[in-house]
Amino acid sequence: MIRLMILPMVIAVDPSDDPSNGHCSTEEVVALASRVSAFGFRVMIDLHYSDTWADPGKQITPKAWANDNLDQLKVHVSEYTSEVMNALKVAGVAPEWVQIGNEINNGMMHPLGEYSNTSNLVQLIQAGSRAAKAVFPGIKVIIHRASGAENGVEPFYAGLVAAGLKDSDYDIIGLSYYPDSVFTSSINELTENMNKLAEKYRKEVMIVEVGGEVAKDADSVYNMLVNVQNKLHAAPNDLGTGVFYWAPEGNYFGYPKSAWDPDGTPSLALDAFIDGAVENNRYPVQSLALDKHMESIEVGATSKLNAMINPA
């Protein structure tokens, strides 16, 4: 089981300098990846194939590619992926994983790569996957879908396979999980999806983004993270691979789901990644008393004893 708290290396094609919705050029990511690699961390590269950060509601084709047809886009994806991978290789960084697109529920590089154009989307994924593996044959390719606890997760991957995605095109199914404050309302659905995916596709399953509002309830986020890891441990055929906490240091740019406290120190939530971490009982029972010391009941009569619980 891989338990990771570091930030995956996000790459935009021609980014702006906006600190919260830009940057992440190839040069910046190579520099950051070199630093974390030198500290012994394992590296994931997340290629967004956009000029800004991509997500299900924002999959904008890079401006320089905007007027190109599908064949031209495939060439761009292949060449750009090769450029990034080779830059890392020259710097002495060998990433263990690469995401071909970020949270591509609705596809990527709209409109040609929309999910409704599933064959196009698969060809773009294949172009990126093959380019990455040409530079790093051992790299594991991730196909990343957001909202890992919702009903559409398995049909999303089934649609890609039906449109021509081959087993050799990817290695890991990546999911995002950002539950409500009461994570127990969705953890079972996430578990069901992970188990179904592992059994059907025989691929590793990874939570490539997870997070919660630590500032509001660090204890609840801690318990959520412990639960997610336990569910991954229990995935069929040991295919639950690991967890990335998305932007744990994000308090520096105002991200509400950062895992750092406002004073810049790690929050309680991150203790969930310590070996042997167990769920906290937030309201342990301190005492239990009955409203009556003794009760006598005649045959045929009814009565009841009331319990009084004193939580912490």
C-alpha atoms as a PDB file:
ATOM      1  CA  MET A   1       0.000   0.000   0.000  1.00  0.00           C
ATOM      2  CA  ILE A   2       1.360   3.389  -1.015  1.00  0.00           C
ATOM      3  CA  ARG A   3       0.383   6.145   1.370  1.00  0.00           C
ATOM      4  CA  LEU A   4       1.378   9.484  -0.050  1.00  0.00           C
ATOM      5  CA  MET A   5       0.912  12.990   1.248  1.00  0.00           C
ATOM      6  CA  ILE A   6       2.988  14.903  -1.278  1.00  0.00           C
ATOM      7  CA  LEU A   7       1.549  16.933  -4.133  1.00  0.00           C
ATOM      8  CA  PRO A   8       1.458  15.247  -7.544  1.00  0.00           C
ATOM      9  CA  MET A   9       3.361  17.272 -10.116  1.00  0.00           C
ATOM     10  CA  VAL A  10       0.733  19.102 -12.203  1.00  0.00           C
ATOM     11  CA  ILE A  11       1.717  20.308 -15.669  1.00  0.00           C
ATOM     12  CA  ALA A  12      -0.050  22.821 -17.896  1.00  0.00           C
ATOM     13  CA  VAL A  13       0.941  23.315 -21.549  1.00  0.00           C
ATOM     14  CA  ASP A  14       1.356  27.110 -21.758  1.00  0.00           C
ATOM     15  CA  PRO A  15       0.349  28.358 -18.319  1.00  0.00           C
ATOM     16  CA  SER A  16      -0.124  31.846 -16.946  1.00  0.00           C
ATOM     17  CA  ASP A  17       1.763  33.126 -13.903  1.00  0.00           C
ATOM     18  CA  ASP A  18      -1.364  33.089 -11.714  1.00  0.00           C
ATOM     19  CA  PRO A  19      -0.218  31.379  -8.480  1.00  0.00           C
ATOM     20  CA  SER A  20      -3.585  29.723  -7.798  1.00  0.00           C
ATOM     21  CA  ASN A  21      -4.784  28.970 -11.341  1.00  0.00           C
ATOM     22  CA  GLY A  22      -1.708  28.884 -13.504  1.00  0.00           C
ATOM     23  CA  HIS A  23       2.052  28.237 -13.467  1.00  0.00           C
ATOM     24  CA  CYS A  24       3.175  24.545 -13.507  1.00  0.00           C
ATOM     25  CA  SER A  25       5.222  24.871 -16.690  1.00  0.00           C
ATOM     26  CA  THR A  26       7.493  22.016 -17.708  1.00  0.00           C
ATOM     27  CA  GLU A  27      10.502  23.898 -16.327  1.00  0.00           C
ATOM     28  CA  GLU A  28       8.857  24.524 -12.956  1.00  0.00           C
ATOM     29  CA  VAL A  29       7.657  20.957 -12.590  1.00  0.00           C
ATOM     30  CA  VAL A  30      11.068  19.514 -13.497  1.00  0.00           C
ATOM     31  CA  ALA A  31      12.643  21.727 -10.828  1.00  0.00           C
ATOM     32  CA  LEU A  32      10.087  20.662  -8.193  1.00  0.00           C
ATOM     33  CA  ALA A  33      10.251  17.008  -9.194  1.00  0.00           C
ATOM     34  CA  SER A  34      14.029  17.114  -8.908  1.00  0.00           C
ATOM     35  CA  ARG A  35      13.767  18.476  -5.372  1.00  0.00           C
ATOM     36  CA  VAL A  36      11.254  15.907  -4.124  1.00  0.00           C
ATOM     37  CA  SER A  37      13.087  13.091  -5.891  1.00  0.00           C
ATOM     38  CA  ALA A  38      16.296  14.116  -4.140  1.00  0.00           C
ATOM     39  CA  PHE A  39      14.476  13.717  -0.809  1.00  0.00           C
ATOM     40  CA  GLY A  40      13.523  10.164  -1.760  1.00  0.00           C
ATOM     41  CA  PHE A  41       9.868  10.773  -2.631  1.00  0.00           C
ATOM     42  CA  ARG A  42       8.210   8.886  -5.444  1.00  0.00           C
ATOM     43  CA  VAL A  43       6.850  11.138  -8.175  1.00  0.00           C
ATOM     44  CA  MET A  44       3.567  11.289 -10.056  1.00  0.00           C
ATOM     45  CA  ILE A  45       3.214  13.560 -13.088  1.00  0.00           C
ATOM     46  CA  ASP A  46      -0.287  14.832 -13.835  1.00  0.00           C
ATOM     47  CA  LEU A  47      -0.573  16.072 -17.419  1.00  0.00           C
ATOM     48  CA  HIS A  48      -3.614  18.338 -17.779  1.00  0.00           C
ATOM     49  CA  TYR A  49      -3.277  19.007 -21.540  1.00  0.00           C
ATOM     50  CA  SER A  50      -4.569  22.530 -21.050  1.00  0.00           C
ATOM     51  CA  ASP A  51      -3.139  25.986 -20.375  1.00  0.00           C
ATOM     52  CA  THR A  52      -4.767  25.995 -16.955  1.00  0.00           C
ATOM     53  CA  TRP A  53      -5.754  23.404 -14.379  1.00  0.00           C
ATOM     54  CA  ALA A  54      -8.333  20.999 -15.793  1.00  0.00           C
ATOM     55  CA  ASP A  55     -11.284  19.415 -13.998  1.00  0.00           C
ATOM     56  CA  PRO A  56     -14.688  17.995 -15.020  1.00  0.00           C
ATOM     57  CA  GLY A  57     -16.084  21.461 -15.680  1.00  0.00           C
ATOM     58  CA  LYS A  58     -13.043  22.882 -17.416  1.00  0.00           C
ATOM     59  CA  GLN A  59     -11.252  20.912 -20.122  1.00  0.00           C
ATOM     60  CA  ILE A  60     -10.023  23.662 -22.425  1.00  0.00           C
ATOM     61  CA  THR A  61      -7.785  22.782 -25.362  1.00  0.00           C
ATOM     62  CA  PRO A  62      -4.460  24.665 -25.200  1.00  0.00           C
ATOM     63  CA  LYS A  63      -4.686  27.888 -27.155  1.00  0.00           C
ATOM     64  CA  ALA A  64      -1.876  26.898 -29.507  1.00  0.00           C
ATOM     65  CA  TRP A  65      -3.762  23.703 -30.448  1.00  0.00           C
ATOM     66  CA  ALA A  66      -7.302  25.089 -30.478  1.00  0.00           C
ATOM     67  CA  ASN A  67      -7.877  25.026 -34.250  1.00  0.00           C
ATOM     68  CA  ASP A  68      -6.311  21.641 -34.945  1.00  0.00           C
ATOM     69  CA  ASN A  69      -8.074  18.460 -36.015  1.00  0.00           C
ATOM     70  CA  LEU A  70      -7.945  15.137 -34.180  1.00  0.00           C
ATOM     71  CA  ASP A  71      -4.859  13.812 -35.962  1.00  0.00           C
ATOM     72  CA  GLN A  72      -2.990  17.025 -35.216  1.00  0.00           C
ATOM     73  CA  LEU A  73      -4.103  16.921 -31.564  1.00  0.00           C
ATOM     74  CA  LYS A  74      -2.801  13.373 -31.234  1.00  0.00           C
ATOM     75  CA  VAL A  75       0.584  14.513 -32.561  1.00  0.00           C
ATOM     76  CA  HIS A  76       0.616  17.408 -30.091  1.00  0.00           C
ATOM     77  CA  VAL A  77      -0.245  15.115 -27.176  1.00  0.00           C
ATOM     78  CA  SER A  78       2.451  12.645 -28.169  1.00  0.00           C
ATOM     79  CA  GLU A  79       5.151  15.266 -28.730  1.00  0.00           C
ATOM     80  CA  TYR A  80       4.293  17.259 -25.615  1.00  0.00           C
ATOM     81  CA  THR A  81       4.233  14.143 -23.414  1.00  0.00           C
ATOM     82  CA  SER A  82       7.587  13.060 -24.834  1.00  0.00           C
ATOM     83  CA  GLU A  83       9.010  16.531 -24.211  1.00  0.00           C
ATOM     84  CA  VAL A  84       7.961  16.472 -20.548  1.00  0.00           C
ATOM     85  CA  MET A  85       9.162  12.906 -19.961  1.00  0.00           C
ATOM     86  CA  ASN A  86      12.516  13.557 -21.628  1.00  0.00           C
ATOM     87  CA  ALA A  87      13.022  16.764 -19.627  1.00  0.00           C
ATOM     88  CA  LEU A  88      12.502  14.755 -16.437  1.00  0.00           C
ATOM     89  CA  LYS A  89      14.840  12.034 -17.661  1.00  0.00           C
ATOM     90  CA  VAL A  90      17.595  14.542 -18.407  1.00  0.00           C
ATOM     91  CA  ALA A  91      17.163  15.924 -14.881  1.00  0.00           C
ATOM     92  CA  GLY A  92      17.582  12.451 -13.432  1.00  0.00           C
ATOM     93  CA  VAL A  93      13.945  12.074 -12.342  1.00  0.00           C
ATOM     94  CA  ALA A  94      12.124   8.828 -13.123  1.00  0.00           C
ATOM     95  CA  PRO A  95       8.427   9.333 -12.320  1.00  0.00           C
ATOM     96  CA  GLU A  96       6.629   6.228 -11.143  1.00  0.00           C
ATOM     97  CA  TRP A  97       3.209   7.317 -12.413  1.00  0.00           C
ATOM     98  CA  VAL A  98       1.724   9.611 -15.025  1.00  0.00           C
ATOM     99  CA  GLN A  99      -1.872  10.764 -15.386  1.00  0.00           C
ATOM    100  CA  ILE A 100      -3.011  11.193 -18.978  1.00  0.00           C
ATOM    101  CA  GLY A 101      -5.452  14.010 -18.299  1.00  0.00           C
ATOM    102  CA  ASN A 102      -6.925  15.212 -15.029  1.00  0.00           C
ATOM    103  CA  GLU A 103     -10.431  14.308 -13.852  1.00  0.00           C
ATOM    104  CA  ILE A 104     -11.554  13.487 -17.371  1.00  0.00           C
ATOM    105  CA  ASN A 105     -15.174  12.591 -16.550  1.00  0.00           C
ATOM    106  CA  ASN A 106     -16.234  14.759 -19.493  1.00  0.00           C
ATOM    107  CA  GLY A 107     -13.176  14.029 -21.592  1.00  0.00           C
ATOM    108  CA  MET A 108     -10.347  16.454 -22.276  1.00  0.00           C
ATOM    109  CA  MET A 109      -9.392  19.026 -24.879  1.00  0.00           C
ATOM    110  CA  HIS A 110     -12.947  19.985 -25.757  1.00  0.00           C
ATOM    111  CA  PRO A 111     -14.698  19.772 -28.125  1.00  0.00           C
ATOM    112  CA  LEU A 112     -12.817  17.050 -30.027  1.00  0.00           C
ATOM    113  CA  GLY A 113     -11.884  15.108 -26.919  1.00  0.00           C
ATOM    114  CA  GLU A 114     -15.243  15.292 -25.160  1.00  0.00           C
ATOM    115  CA  TYR A 115     -16.417  12.045 -23.583  1.00  0.00           C
ATOM    116  CA  SER A 116     -19.336  12.026 -26.020  1.00  0.00           C
ATOM    117  CA  ASN A 117     -16.650  11.657 -28.714  1.00  0.00           C
ATOM    118  CA  THR A 118     -15.372   8.604 -26.879  1.00  0.00           C
ATOM    119  CA  SER A 119     -13.322   7.176 -29.739  1.00  0.00           C
ATOM    120  CA  ASN A 120     -11.492  10.510 -30.059  1.00  0.00           C
ATOM    121  CA  LEU A 121     -10.853  10.592 -26.319  1.00  0.00           C
ATOM    122  CA  VAL A 122      -9.439   7.071 -26.332  1.00  0.00           C
ATOM    123  CA  GLN A 123      -7.084   7.922 -29.195  1.00  0.00           C
ATOM    124  CA  LEU A 124      -5.810  10.954 -27.282  1.00  0.00           C
ATOM    125  CA  ILE A 125      -5.261   8.850 -24.151  1.00  0.00           C
ATOM    126  CA  GLN A 126      -3.387   6.276 -26.239  1.00  0.00           C
ATOM    127  CA  ALA A 127      -1.167   8.962 -27.763  1.00  0.00           C
ATOM    128  CA  GLY A 128      -0.148  10.209 -24.332  1.00  0.00           C
ATOM    129  CA  SER A 129       0.235   6.763 -22.799  1.00  0.00           C
ATOM    130  CA  ARG A 130       2.435   5.423 -25.580  1.00  0.00           C
ATOM    131  CA  ALA A 131       4.627   8.523 -25.564  1.00  0.00           C
ATOM    132  CA  ALA A 132       5.188   8.286 -21.805  1.00  0.00           C
ATOM    133  CA  LYS A 133       6.016   4.584 -21.961  1.00  0.00           C
ATOM    134  CA  ALA A 134       8.414   5.146 -24.865  1.00  0.00           C
ATOM    135  CA  VAL A 135      10.583   7.253 -22.544  1.00  0.00           C
ATOM    136  CA  PHE A 136       9.945   5.360 -19.302  1.00  0.00           C
ATOM    137  CA  PRO A 137       8.859   1.792 -20.158  1.00  0.00           C
ATOM    138  CA  GLY A 138       8.114   1.009 -16.520  1.00  0.00           C
ATOM    139  CA  ILE A 139       5.953   4.047 -15.814  1.00  0.00           C
ATOM    140  CA  LYS A 140       2.374   3.345 -14.713  1.00  0.00           C
ATOM    141  CA  VAL A 141      -0.310   5.199 -16.642  1.00  0.00           C
ATOM    142  CA  ILE A 142      -3.341   6.433 -14.700  1.00  0.00           C
ATOM    143  CA  ILE A 143      -6.761   7.260 -16.120  1.00  0.00           C
ATOM    144  CA  HIS A 144      -8.320   9.657 -13.641  1.00  0.00           C
ATOM    145  CA  ARG A 145     -11.998  10.207 -12.964  1.00  0.00           C
ATOM    146  CA  ALA A 146     -13.429  12.589 -10.360  1.00  0.00           C
ATOM    147  CA  SER A 147     -16.326  11.858  -7.967  1.00  0.00           C
ATOM    148  CA  GLY A 148     -15.239   8.349  -7.082  1.00  0.00           C
ATOM    149  CA  ALA A 149     -18.324   7.617  -4.977  1.00  0.00           C
ATOM    150  CA  GLU A 150     -20.978   8.318  -7.613  1.00  0.00           C
ATOM    151  CA  ASN A 151     -22.901   5.863  -9.774  1.00  0.00           C
ATOM    152  CA  GLY A 152     -21.250   6.688 -13.104  1.00  0.00           C
ATOM    153  CA  VAL A 153     -17.738   5.505 -12.248  1.00  0.00           C
ATOM    154  CA  GLU A 154     -17.772   1.987 -13.699  1.00  0.00           C
ATOM    155  CA  PRO A 155     -19.773   2.948 -16.823  1.00  0.00           C
ATOM    156  CA  PHE A 156     -17.174   5.657 -17.526  1.00  0.00           C
ATOM    157  CA  TYR A 157     -14.379   3.082 -17.804  1.00  0.00           C
ATOM    158  CA  ALA A 158     -16.642   0.618 -19.612  1.00  0.00           C
ATOM    159  CA  GLY A 159     -17.311   3.280 -22.240  1.00  0.00           C
ATOM    160  CA  LEU A 160     -13.601   3.821 -22.818  1.00  0.00           C
ATOM    161  CA  VAL A 161     -13.000   0.098 -23.246  1.00  0.00           C
ATOM    162  CA  ALA A 162     -15.929  -0.206 -25.643  1.00  0.00           C
ATOM    163  CA  ALA A 163     -14.449   2.647 -27.695  1.00  0.00           C
ATOM    164  CA  GLY A 164     -11.110   0.893 -28.108  1.00  0.00           C
ATOM    165  CA  LEU A 165      -9.069   1.416 -24.927  1.00  0.00           C
ATOM    166  CA  LYS A 166      -6.704  -1.534 -24.636  1.00  0.00           C
ATOM    167  CA  ASP A 167      -5.440  -3.234 -21.507  1.00  0.00           C
ATOM    168  CA  SER A 168      -1.902  -2.125 -22.382  1.00  0.00           C
ATOM    169  CA  ASP A 169      -2.940   1.542 -22.613  1.00  0.00           C
ATOM    170  CA  TYR A 170      -3.214   2.044 -18.851  1.00  0.00           C
ATOM    171  CA  ASP A 171      -2.173   0.491 -15.553  1.00  0.00           C
ATOM    172  CA  ILE A 172      -4.141   2.230 -12.816  1.00  0.00           C
ATOM    173  CA  ILE A 173      -7.683   3.464 -12.307  1.00  0.00           C
ATOM    174  CA  GLY A 174      -7.459   6.783 -10.467  1.00  0.00           C
ATOM    175  CA  LEU A 175     -10.348   8.330  -8.542  1.00  0.00           C
ATOM    176  CA  SER A 176     -10.933  11.577  -6.669  1.00  0.00           C
ATOM    177  CA  TYR A 177     -12.792  11.553  -3.344  1.00  0.00           C
ATOM    178  CA  TYR A 178     -13.929  14.756  -1.661  1.00  0.00           C
ATOM    179  CA  PRO A 179     -16.707  13.692   0.693  1.00  0.00           C
ATOM    180  CA  ASP A 180     -19.112  15.886   2.601  1.00  0.00           C
ATOM    181  CA  SER A 181     -18.242  16.632   6.207  1.00  0.00           C
ATOM    182  CA  VAL A 182     -20.069  13.411   7.149  1.00  0.00           C
ATOM    183  CA  PHE A 183     -17.969  11.052   5.041  1.00  0.00           C
ATOM    184  CA  THR A 184     -19.930   8.004   6.176  1.00  0.00           C
ATOM    185  CA  SER A 185     -22.685   9.072   3.773  1.00  0.00           C
ATOM    186  CA  SER A 186     -20.487   8.118   0.783  1.00  0.00           C
ATOM    187  CA  ILE A 187     -17.631   5.875   1.917  1.00  0.00           C
ATOM    188  CA  ASN A 188     -19.618   2.708   1.182  1.00  0.00           C
ATOM    189  CA  GLU A 189     -20.357   3.880  -2.364  1.00  0.00           C
ATOM    190  CA  LEU A 190     -16.667   4.645  -2.905  1.00  0.00           C
ATOM    191  CA  THR A 191     -15.783   1.190  -1.606  1.00  0.00           C
ATOM    192  CA  GLU A 192     -18.318  -0.509  -3.857  1.00  0.00           C
ATOM    193  CA  ASN A 193     -16.935   1.325  -6.889  1.00  0.00           C
ATOM    194  CA  MET A 194     -13.312   0.509  -6.061  1.00  0.00           C
ATOM    195  CA  ASN A 195     -14.082  -3.165  -5.505  1.00  0.00           C
ATOM    196  CA  LYS A 196     -16.145  -3.424  -8.699  1.00  0.00           C
ATOM    197  CA  LEU A 197     -13.414  -1.767 -10.763  1.00  0.00           C
ATOM    198  CA  ALA A 198     -10.658  -3.948  -9.322  1.00  0.00           C
ATOM    199  CA  GLU A 199     -12.637  -7.125  -9.930  1.00  0.00           C
ATOM    200  CA  LYS A 200     -13.802  -6.252 -13.449  1.00  0.00           C
ATOM    201  CA  TYR A 201     -10.661  -4.683 -14.927  1.00  0.00           C
ATOM    202  CA  ARG A 202      -7.949  -6.334 -12.805  1.00  0.00           C
ATOM    203  CA  LYS A 203      -6.216  -2.981 -12.537  1.00  0.00           C
ATOM    204  CA  GLU A 204      -4.752  -1.217  -9.528  1.00  0.00           C
ATOM    205  CA  VAL A 205      -7.110   1.334  -7.997  1.00  0.00           C
ATOM    206  CA  MET A 206      -5.706   4.531  -6.516  1.00  0.00           C
ATOM    207  CA  ILE A 207      -7.285   7.523  -4.809  1.00  0.00           C
ATOM    208  CA  VAL A 208      -5.262  10.152  -6.647  1.00  0.00           C
ATOM    209  CA  GLU A 209      -7.033  13.069  -4.968  1.00  0.00           C
ATOM    210  CA  VAL A 210      -8.552  13.189  -1.516  1.00  0.00           C
ATOM    211  CA  GLY A 211      -9.196  15.985   0.928  1.00  0.00           C
ATOM    212  CA  GLY A 212     -11.442  17.533   3.529  1.00  0.00           C
ATOM    213  CA  GLU A 213     -11.956  20.799   5.373  1.00  0.00           C
ATOM    214  CA  VAL A 214      -9.403  20.400   8.121  1.00  0.00           C
ATOM    215  CA  ALA A 215     -10.012  23.898   9.491  1.00  0.00           C
ATOM    216  CA  LYS A 216     -13.622  22.945  10.255  1.00  0.00           C
ATOM    217  CA  ASP A 217     -13.076  19.443  11.644  1.00  0.00           C
ATOM    218  CA  ALA A 218      -9.615  17.923  11.484  1.00  0.00           C
ATOM    219  CA  ASP A 219     -10.722  14.930  13.525  1.00  0.00           C
ATOM    220  CA  SER A 220     -13.392  13.992  10.980  1.00  0.00           C
ATOM    221  CA  VAL A 221     -10.924  14.363   8.084  1.00  0.00           C
ATOM    222  CA  TYR A 222      -8.470  12.164   9.991  1.00  0.00           C
ATOM    223  CA  ASN A 223     -11.114   9.456  10.395  1.00  0.00           C
ATOM    224  CA  MET A 224     -12.057   9.751   6.727  1.00  0.00           C
ATOM    225  CA  LEU A 225      -8.448   9.227   5.651  1.00  0.00           C
ATOM    226  CA  VAL A 226      -8.055   6.204   7.924  1.00  0.00           C
ATOM    227  CA  ASN A 227     -11.240   4.721   6.482  1.00  0.00           C
ATOM    228  CA  VAL A 228     -10.182   5.321   2.870  1.00  0.00           C
ATOM    229  CA  GLN A 229      -6.894   3.546   3.459  1.00  0.00           C
ATOM    230  CA  ASN A 230      -8.609   0.644   5.200  1.00  0.00           C
ATOM    231  CA  LYS A 231     -11.020   0.261   2.284  1.00  0.00           C
ATOM    232  CA  LEU A 232      -8.112   0.266  -0.179  1.00  0.00           C
ATOM    233  CA  HIS A 233      -6.307  -2.368   1.891  1.00  0.00           C
ATOM    234  CA  ALA A 234      -9.390  -4.559   1.585  1.00  0.00           C
ATOM    235  CA  ALA A 235      -9.764  -4.202  -2.202  1.00  0.00           C
ATOM    236  CA  PRO A 236      -9.915  -7.498  -4.121  1.00  0.00           C
ATOM    237  CA  ASN A 237      -6.649  -9.133  -5.168  1.00  0.00           C
ATOM    238  CA  ASP A 238      -4.613  -6.527  -3.251  1.00  0.00           C
ATOM    239  CA  LEU A 239      -5.284  -4.010  -6.015  1.00  0.00           C
ATOM    240  CA  GLY A 240      -5.847  -1.029  -3.717  1.00  0.00           C
ATOM    241  CA  THR A 241      -2.692   0.905  -4.454  1.00  0.00           C
ATOM    242  CA  GLY A 242      -2.557   4.131  -2.491  1.00  0.00           C
ATOM    243  CA  VAL A 243      -3.675   7.647  -1.652  1.00  0.00           C
ATOM    244  CA  PHE A 244      -2.597  11.144  -2.620  1.00  0.00           C
ATOM    245  CA  TYR A 245      -3.819  14.029  -0.471  1.00  0.00           C
ATOM    246  CA  TRP A 246      -4.432  16.861  -2.923  1.00  0.00           C
ATOM    247  CA  ALA A 247      -2.687  20.133  -2.024  1.00  0.00           C
ATOM    248  CA  PRO A 248      -1.990  19.540   1.673  1.00  0.00           C
ATOM    249  CA  GLU A 249       0.045  22.755   1.694  1.00  0.00           C
ATOM    250  CA  GLY A 250      -2.739  24.682  -0.069  1.00  0.00           C
ATOM    251  CA  ASN A 251      -3.344  27.080   2.809  1.00  0.00           C
ATOM    252  CA  TYR A 252      -0.649  29.282   1.295  1.00  0.00           C
ATOM    253  CA  PHE A 253      -2.996  30.095  -1.607  1.00  0.00           C
ATOM    254  CA  GLY A 254      -6.237  29.910   0.358  1.00  0.00           C
ATOM    255  CA  TYR A 255      -7.286  26.366  -0.538  1.00  0.00           C
ATOM    256  CA  PRO A 256      -9.991  25.362   1.991  1.00  0.00           C
ATOM    257  CA  LYS A 257      -9.107  21.655   1.976  1.00  0.00           C
ATOM    258  CA  SER A 258      -5.459  22.097   2.849  1.00  0.00           C
ATOM    259  CA  ALA A 259      -4.119  19.607   5.393  1.00  0.00           C
ATOM    260  CA  TRP A 260      -1.924  22.172   7.147  1.00  0.00           C
ATOM    261  CA  ASP A 261      -3.074  24.266  10.074  1.00  0.00           C
ATOM    262  CA  PRO A 262      -3.127  28.075   9.636  1.00  0.00           C
ATOM    263  CA  ASP A 263       0.171  28.391  11.512  1.00  0.00           C
ATOM    264  CA  GLY A 264       1.923  26.321   8.841  1.00  0.00           C
ATOM    265  CA  THR A 265       2.232  23.089  10.819  1.00  0.00           C
ATOM    266  CA  PRO A 266       0.778  19.706   9.812  1.00  0.00           C
ATOM    267  CA  SER A 267      -2.737  19.157  11.097  1.00  0.00           C
ATOM    268  CA  LEU A 268      -4.063  16.201  13.042  1.00  0.00           C
ATOM    269  CA  ALA A 269      -5.543  14.850   9.794  1.00  0.00           C
ATOM    270  CA  LEU A 270      -2.101  13.934   8.481  1.00  0.00           C
ATOM    271  CA  ASP A 271      -1.582  11.569  11.415  1.00  0.00           C
ATOM    272  CA  ALA A 272      -3.851   9.234   9.432  1.00  0.00           C
ATOM    273  CA  PHE A 273      -0.815   8.445   7.254  1.00  0.00           C
ATOM    274  CA  ILE A 274       1.254   7.192  10.182  1.00  0.00           C
ATOM    275  CA  ASP A 275       1.651   3.411  10.219  1.00  0.00           C
ATOM    276  CA  GLY A 276      -0.883   1.809  12.515  1.00  0.00           C
ATOM    277  CA  ALA A 277      -3.263   4.788  12.555  1.00  0.00           C
ATOM    278  CA  VAL A 278      -6.738   3.820  13.754  1.00  0.00           C
ATOM    279  CA  GLU A 279     -10.039   5.649  13.697  1.00  0.00           C
ATOM    280  CA  ASN A 280     -10.659   7.982  16.616  1.00  0.00           C
ATOM    281  CA  ASN A 281     -13.799   7.477  18.666  1.00  0.00           C
ATOM    282  CA  ARG A 282     -14.862  11.085  18.807  1.00  0.00           C
ATOM    283  CA  TYR A 283     -17.451  10.608  21.550  1.00  0.00           C
ATOM    284  CA  PRO A 284     -16.357   7.749  23.804  1.00  0.00           C
ATOM    285  CA  VAL A 285     -18.870   6.671  26.435  1.00  0.00           C
ATOM    286  CA  GLN A 286     -17.652   7.627  29.893  1.00  0.00           C
ATOM    287  CA  SER A 287     -20.471   6.109  31.893  1.00  0.00           C
ATOM    288  CA  LEU A 288     -23.801   4.338  31.552  1.00  0.00           C
ATOM    289  CA  ALA A 289     -26.518   4.455  34.191  1.00  0.00           C
ATOM    290  CA  LEU A 290     -30.108   3.212  34.446  1.00  0.00           C
ATOM    291  CA  ASP A 291     -32.895   5.358  35.813  1.00  0.00           C
ATOM    292  CA  LYS A 292     -33.857   2.629  38.319  1.00  0.00           C
ATOM    293  CA  HIS A 293     -31.614   0.473  40.445  1.00  0.00           C
ATOM    294  CA  MET A 294     -34.153  -2.386  40.405  1.00  0.00           C
ATOM    295  CA  GLU A 295     -37.516  -3.073  38.779  1.00  0.00           C
ATOM    296  CA  SER A 296     -40.119  -5.725  39.664  1.00  0.00           C
ATOM    297  CA  ILE A 297     -42.643  -6.701  36.986  1.00  0.00           C
ATOM    298  CA  GLU A 298     -45.742  -8.810  37.511  1.00  0.00           C
ATOM    299  CA  VAL A 299     -46.638 -11.432  34.916  1.00  0.00           C
ATOM    300  CA  GLY A 300     -48.536  -9.741  32.087  1.00  0.00           C
ATOM    301  CA  ALA A 301     -47.403  -6.233  33.051  1.00  0.00           C
ATOM    302  CA  THR A 302     -45.012  -4.011  31.075  1.00  0.00           C
ATOM    303  CA  SER A 303     -42.325  -1.588  32.134  1.00  0.00           C
ATOM    304  CA  LYS A 304     -39.058  -0.202  30.888  1.00  0.00           C
ATOM    305  CA  LEU A 305     -35.648   0.937  32.067  1.00  0.00           C
ATOM    306  CA  ASN A 306     -34.133   4.101  30.597  1.00  0.00           C
ATOM    307  CA  ALA A 307     -30.392   4.301  29.928  1.00  0.00           C
ATOM    308  CA  MET A 308     -28.468   7.514  30.544  1.00  0.00           C
ATOM    309  CA  ILE A 309     -25.236   7.769  28.543  1.00  0.00           C
ATOM    310  CA  ASN A 310     -22.491  10.224  29.372  1.00  0.00           C
ATOM    311  CA  PRO A 311     -20.200  10.749  26.346  1.00  0.00           C
ATOM    312  CA  ALA A 312     -16.862  12.539  26.541  1.00  0.00           C
END
